[in-house]
């Protein structure tokens, strides 16, 4: 059974690079990766926040949040 990996980002250069370097490097045999661009899906900001995401880019695997570098605080994405 594959684990779900959610990669949250806001489209900034740091986020796009992290998507290329981290999210796309996950083994597709082990992980079902969903890329969530919070700038294009602002309704999912609350979901990310509930998962424990504090800044983007961030990767959530099995309920564990991994903050990658620092692109933007999640609070900057709230409407």
Protein backbone atom coordinates (compact mmCIF):
# COMPACT_ATOMS: atom_id res chain seq x y z
CA UNK A 1 0.00 0.00 0.00
CA UNK A 2 1.36 3.40 -1.00
CA UNK A 3 1.71 6.26 1.46
CA UNK A 4 0.29 9.60 0.46
CA UNK A 5 2.71 12.49 0.26
CA UNK A 6 1.27 16.00 0.03
CA UNK A 7 3.61 18.68 -1.21
CA UNK A 8 2.30 22.16 -0.42
CA UNK A 9 3.77 25.20 -2.12
CA UNK A 10 2.93 28.71 -3.27
CA UNK A 11 4.67 28.84 -6.63
CA UNK A 12 7.67 30.89 -5.51
CA UNK A 13 11.13 30.01 -6.91
CA UNK A 14 12.12 28.21 -3.68
CA UNK A 15 8.90 26.16 -3.84
CA UNK A 16 9.27 25.26 -7.51
CA UNK A 17 12.87 24.16 -6.97
CA UNK A 18 11.86 22.07 -3.94
CA UNK A 19 9.11 20.44 -5.97
CA UNK A 20 11.66 19.44 -8.61
CA UNK A 21 14.32 18.35 -6.14
CA UNK A 22 12.24 16.73 -3.40
CA UNK A 23 8.66 15.89 -4.36
CA UNK A 24 9.54 14.48 -7.75
CA UNK A 25 12.38 12.44 -6.25
CA UNK A 26 10.04 10.33 -4.12
CA UNK A 27 9.74 6.71 -5.19
CA UNK A 28 6.42 6.38 -7.06
CA UNK A 29 6.24 2.72 -6.04
CA UNK A 30 6.11 3.81 -2.38
CA UNK A 31 4.36 7.19 -2.48
CA UNK A 32 1.36 8.69 -4.17
CA UNK A 33 2.43 12.33 -4.45
CA UNK A 34 -0.08 15.15 -4.65
CA UNK A 35 1.22 18.61 -5.46
CA UNK A 36 -0.91 21.36 -3.91
CA UNK A 37 -0.26 24.88 -5.21
CA UNK A 38 -1.87 26.99 -2.49
CA UNK A 39 -1.83 30.08 -4.70
CA UNK A 40 -4.10 28.26 -7.14
CA UNK A 41 -6.08 26.38 -4.47
CA UNK A 42 -6.49 28.88 -1.61
CA UNK A 43 -9.35 26.83 -0.16
CA UNK A 44 -6.74 24.23 0.83
CA UNK A 45 -4.74 26.61 3.06
CA UNK A 46 -6.85 25.56 6.06
CA UNK A 47 -6.14 21.90 5.21
CA UNK A 48 -2.40 22.57 5.17
CA UNK A 49 -2.63 24.47 8.44
CA UNK A 50 -4.57 21.62 10.06
CA UNK A 51 -1.85 19.22 8.93
CA UNK A 52 0.72 21.33 10.80
CA UNK A 53 2.23 23.22 7.88
CA UNK A 54 3.65 26.56 9.02
CA UNK A 55 5.51 27.60 5.88
CA UNK A 56 5.90 26.49 2.31
CA UNK A 57 7.34 24.53 0.70
CA UNK A 58 6.38 21.66 2.96
CA UNK A 59 5.96 17.93 2.51
CA UNK A 60 3.48 15.95 4.60
CA UNK A 61 3.93 12.17 4.73
CA UNK A 62 1.82 10.01 7.03
CA UNK A 63 0.98 13.01 9.21
CA UNK A 64 4.58 14.13 9.58
CA UNK A 65 5.39 17.63 8.30
CA UNK A 66 8.76 18.36 6.72
CA UNK A 67 9.40 22.05 6.16
CA UNK A 68 11.82 22.52 3.29
CA UNK A 69 13.85 25.70 3.21
CA UNK A 70 11.61 28.76 3.58
CA UNK A 71 9.58 30.28 0.80
CA UNK A 72 6.69 31.94 2.63
CA UNK A 73 4.83 31.64 5.92
CA UNK A 74 1.43 30.01 5.61
CA UNK A 75 -0.11 33.14 7.14
CA UNK A 76 0.90 35.09 4.00
CA UNK A 77 -1.36 32.83 1.93
CA UNK A 78 -4.50 33.44 3.94
CA UNK A 79 -7.03 35.66 2.24
